[in-house]
């Protein structure tokens, strides 16, 4: 009889533990998950509130930032990627030639990007025919007056036989400076 009573108590204890695990523990786990999610949402809300304070300022700056991005792409057409097409640089040179009315015979070649520690460079050559004054104005716009960041390595002028025109042969570099972070990453990769 005592054995039956002990078995009954053991069965009752096992049933109590099982009912606790099924009826109480699962909702407690759900409650803990809900509490953790509530804390995540509360943190996200606080972060968004911090940004909301300056939302009008961010909205006013958005247009300025877009304009700066357009200006950077215009100034350095392959600025944000070494994989950018060389035709962007070629179009900028052709536009400078068109402004000086030198589109008659323009030859353009471009090399691949190379790099030094603090900058990337892309060699390009230009050969164009025209009258002396527009040729010199074109040379100035490509080397200094242009929004392109170019460095002229060599430039030579030769008279064109049988006319008043000259031929400009130009060997130059398009330069893109690295940020400090990019230079540090390159040094770190080189050291490894």
Protein backbone atom coordinates (compact mmCIF):
# COMPACT_ATOMS: atom_id res chain seq x y z
CA UNK A 1 0.00 0.00 0.00
CA UNK A 2 2.79 2.36 0.88
CA UNK A 3 4.34 1.51 -2.44
CA UNK A 4 1.15 2.56 -4.23
CA UNK A 5 1.00 5.82 -2.30
CA UNK A 6 4.65 6.58 -3.15
CA UNK A 7 4.05 5.74 -6.81
CA UNK A 8 0.98 8.00 -6.79
CA UNK A 9 3.00 10.84 -5.22
CA UNK A 10 5.79 10.34 -7.76
CA UNK A 11 3.28 10.33 -10.62
CA UNK A 12 1.67 13.45 -9.19
CA UNK A 13 5.10 15.15 -8.93
CA UNK A 14 5.99 14.17 -12.50
CA UNK A 15 2.62 15.44 -13.72
CA UNK A 16 3.19 18.71 -11.84
CA UNK A 17 6.64 19.17 -13.37
CA UNK A 18 5.33 18.35 -16.85
CA UNK A 19 2.42 20.75 -16.48
CA UNK A 20 4.85 23.46 -15.30
CA UNK A 21 7.07 22.88 -18.29
CA UNK A 22 4.13 22.87 -20.72
CA UNK A 23 1.87 25.50 -19.20
CA UNK A 24 4.22 27.92 -17.45
CA UNK A 25 7.69 27.67 -18.97
CA UNK A 26 6.69 28.21 -22.61
CA UNK A 27 4.81 31.47 -21.85
CA UNK A 28 7.74 32.61 -19.67
CA UNK A 29 10.15 32.06 -22.57
CA UNK A 30 7.79 33.95 -24.88
CA UNK A 31 7.64 36.73 -22.31
CA UNK A 32 11.47 36.90 -22.19
CA UNK A 33 11.63 37.03 -26.01
CA UNK A 34 9.01 39.78 -26.03
CA UNK A 35 10.98 41.71 -23.40
CA UNK A 36 14.18 41.43 -25.46
CA UNK A 37 12.33 42.56 -28.62
CA UNK A 38 10.82 45.45 -26.66
CA UNK A 39 14.31 46.58 -25.59
CA UNK A 40 15.56 46.37 -29.21
CA UNK A 41 12.61 48.42 -30.44
CA UNK A 42 13.08 50.92 -27.63
CA UNK A 43 16.76 51.37 -28.59
CA UNK A 44 15.83 51.78 -32.26
CA UNK A 45 13.18 54.33 -31.30
CA UNK A 46 15.68 56.33 -29.25
CA UNK A 47 18.17 56.32 -32.15
CA UNK A 48 15.51 57.49 -34.57
CA UNK A 49 14.41 60.18 -32.14
CA UNK A 50 17.98 61.46 -32.05
CA UNK A 51 17.97 61.69 -35.86
CA UNK A 52 14.48 63.19 -35.94
CA UNK A 53 15.70 66.22 -34.03
CA UNK A 54 17.93 67.11 -37.01
CA UNK A 55 15.61 65.82 -39.72
CA UNK A 56 14.98 69.27 -41.18
CA UNK A 57 18.74 69.88 -41.24
CA UNK A 58 19.32 66.51 -42.93
CA UNK A 59 16.67 67.30 -45.53
CA UNK A 60 18.25 70.65 -46.32
CA UNK A 61 21.69 69.04 -46.58
CA UNK A 62 20.50 66.21 -48.82
CA UNK A 63 20.35 68.41 -51.92
CA UNK A 64 23.76 69.90 -51.14
CA UNK A 65 25.24 66.42 -50.74
CA UNK A 66 23.74 65.31 -54.05
CA UNK A 67 25.21 68.39 -55.74
CA UNK A 68 28.61 67.64 -54.19
CA UNK A 69 28.37 64.07 -55.45
CA UNK A 70 27.59 65.30 -58.96
CA UNK A 71 30.48 67.76 -58.76
CA UNK A 72 32.86 65.02 -57.62
CA UNK A 73 31.76 62.76 -60.47
CA UNK A 74 32.19 65.66 -62.90
CA UNK A 75 35.60 66.58 -61.52
CA UNK A 76 36.85 63.02 -61.32
CA UNK A 77 34.63 60.85 -63.47
CA UNK A 78 36.28 57.62 -62.36
CA UNK A 79 36.65 58.83 -58.77
CA UNK A 80 34.55 56.27 -57.03
CA UNK A 81 35.88 53.20 -58.60
CA UNK A 82 38.88 52.10 -60.46
CA UNK A 83 36.57 50.05 -62.62
CA UNK A 84 34.79 53.13 -63.97
CA UNK A 85 34.79 53.30 -67.72
CA UNK A 86 37.62 55.23 -69.37
CA UNK A 87 35.05 56.76 -71.70
CA UNK A 88 34.13 59.21 -68.90
CA UNK A 89 37.62 60.66 -69.02
CA UNK A 90 37.58 60.59 -72.80
CA UNK A 91 34.25 62.43 -72.89
CA UNK A 92 35.64 65.14 -70.60
CA UNK A 93 38.67 65.60 -72.89
CA UNK A 94 36.49 65.59 -76.00
CA UNK A 95 34.20 68.19 -74.40
CA UNK A 96 37.21 70.42 -73.66
CA UNK A 97 38.30 70.03 -77.30
CA UNK A 98 34.79 70.83 -78.52
CA UNK A 99 34.69 74.02 -76.44
CA UNK A 100 37.89 75.11 -78.21
CA UNK A 101 36.51 73.95 -81.59
CA UNK A 102 39.21 71.29 -82.02
CA UNK A 103 37.09 68.30 -82.97
CA UNK A 104 38.54 67.89 -86.48
CA UNK A 105 41.13 65.23 -85.69
CA UNK A 106 41.29 64.18 -82.06
CA UNK A 107 43.00 60.92 -81.13
CA UNK A 108 42.71 59.67 -77.60
CA UNK A 109 44.17 56.61 -75.82
CA UNK A 110 43.86 55.70 -72.17
CA UNK A 111 45.68 53.21 -69.94
CA UNK A 112 44.64 51.32 -66.82
CA UNK A 113 44.69 52.61 -63.27
CA UNK A 114 47.93 52.17 -61.37
CA UNK A 115 48.65 53.20 -57.83
CA UNK A 116 51.22 54.76 -55.58
CA UNK A 117 50.96 54.97 -51.81
CA UNK A 118 48.76 58.07 -51.69
CA UNK A 119 47.15 58.25 -55.13
CA UNK A 120 45.91 56.35 -58.15
CA UNK A 121 46.80 57.46 -61.65
CA UNK A 122 45.61 56.63 -65.14
CA UNK A 123 47.83 57.58 -68.10
CA UNK A 124 46.25 58.96 -71.23
CA UNK A 125 47.47 60.51 -74.45
CA UNK A 126 45.83 63.05 -76.70
CA UNK A 127 46.77 64.07 -80.21
CA UNK A 128 44.89 66.91 -81.86
CA UNK A 129 45.31 69.29 -84.79
CA UNK A 130 44.26 72.92 -84.90
CA UNK A 131 45.32 76.53 -84.91
CA UNK A 132 47.89 77.55 -82.34
CA UNK A 133 45.71 79.70 -80.02
CA UNK A 134 42.90 77.14 -79.59
CA UNK A 135 45.49 74.38 -79.15
CA UNK A 136 47.19 76.33 -76.35
CA UNK A 137 43.82 77.09 -74.73
CA UNK A 138 42.97 73.38 -74.93
CA UNK A 139 46.32 72.46 -73.36
CA UNK A 140 45.68 74.91 -70.53
CA UNK A 141 42.14 73.59 -69.93
CA UNK A 142 43.39 70.01 -69.81
CA UNK A 143 46.33 70.74 -67.52
CA UNK A 144 45.17 73.52 -65.18
CA UNK A 145 41.91 75.17 -66.13
CA UNK A 146 39.86 71.98 -66.31
CA UNK A 147 37.78 70.56 -63.53
CA UNK A 148 39.58 67.29 -64.25
CA UNK A 149 42.51 66.59 -61.99
CA UNK A 150 45.21 66.06 -64.62
CA UNK A 151 48.96 66.30 -64.67
CA UNK A 152 50.68 66.82 -68.01
CA UNK A 153 53.87 64.81 -68.30
CA UNK A 154 54.93 65.91 -71.79
CA UNK A 155 53.42 68.12 -74.45
CA UNK A 156 54.85 68.79 -77.88
CA UNK A 157 53.74 71.06 -80.72
CA UNK A 158 54.68 70.38 -84.33
CA UNK A 159 53.68 72.44 -87.35
CA UNK A 160 51.37 70.64 -89.75
CA UNK A 161 52.96 70.59 -93.22
CA UNK A 162 51.26 72.87 -95.73
CA UNK A 163 48.91 74.70 -93.32
CA UNK A 164 48.75 77.18 -90.45
CA UNK A 165 47.81 74.44 -88.01
CA UNK A 166 49.89 72.60 -85.42
CA UNK A 167 49.68 69.13 -83.93
CA UNK A 168 49.60 68.82 -80.15
CA UNK A 169 50.82 65.53 -78.70
CA UNK A 170 50.02 65.30 -75.03
CA UNK A 171 51.05 62.63 -72.51
CA UNK A 172 49.25 63.11 -69.19
CA UNK A 173 47.92 61.46 -66.05
CA UNK A 174 44.48 61.56 -64.48
CA UNK A 175 45.01 61.46 -60.73
CA UNK A 176 42.76 60.29 -57.93
CA UNK A 177 44.04 60.81 -54.39
CA UNK A 178 43.52 58.10 -51.80
CA UNK A 179 41.88 58.85 -48.49
CA UNK A 180 43.94 58.29 -45.36
CA UNK A 181 41.92 55.13 -44.66
CA UNK A 182 42.61 53.74 -48.13
CA UNK A 183 46.33 54.50 -47.81
CA UNK A 184 46.45 52.85 -44.36
CA UNK A 185 44.61 49.77 -45.69
CA UNK A 186 47.05 49.54 -48.63
CA UNK A 187 50.05 49.78 -46.27
CA UNK A 188 48.52 47.11 -44.01
CA UNK A 189 47.85 44.78 -46.96
CA UNK A 190 51.40 45.35 -48.24
CA UNK A 191 52.85 44.59 -44.81
CA UNK A 192 50.95 41.30 -44.61
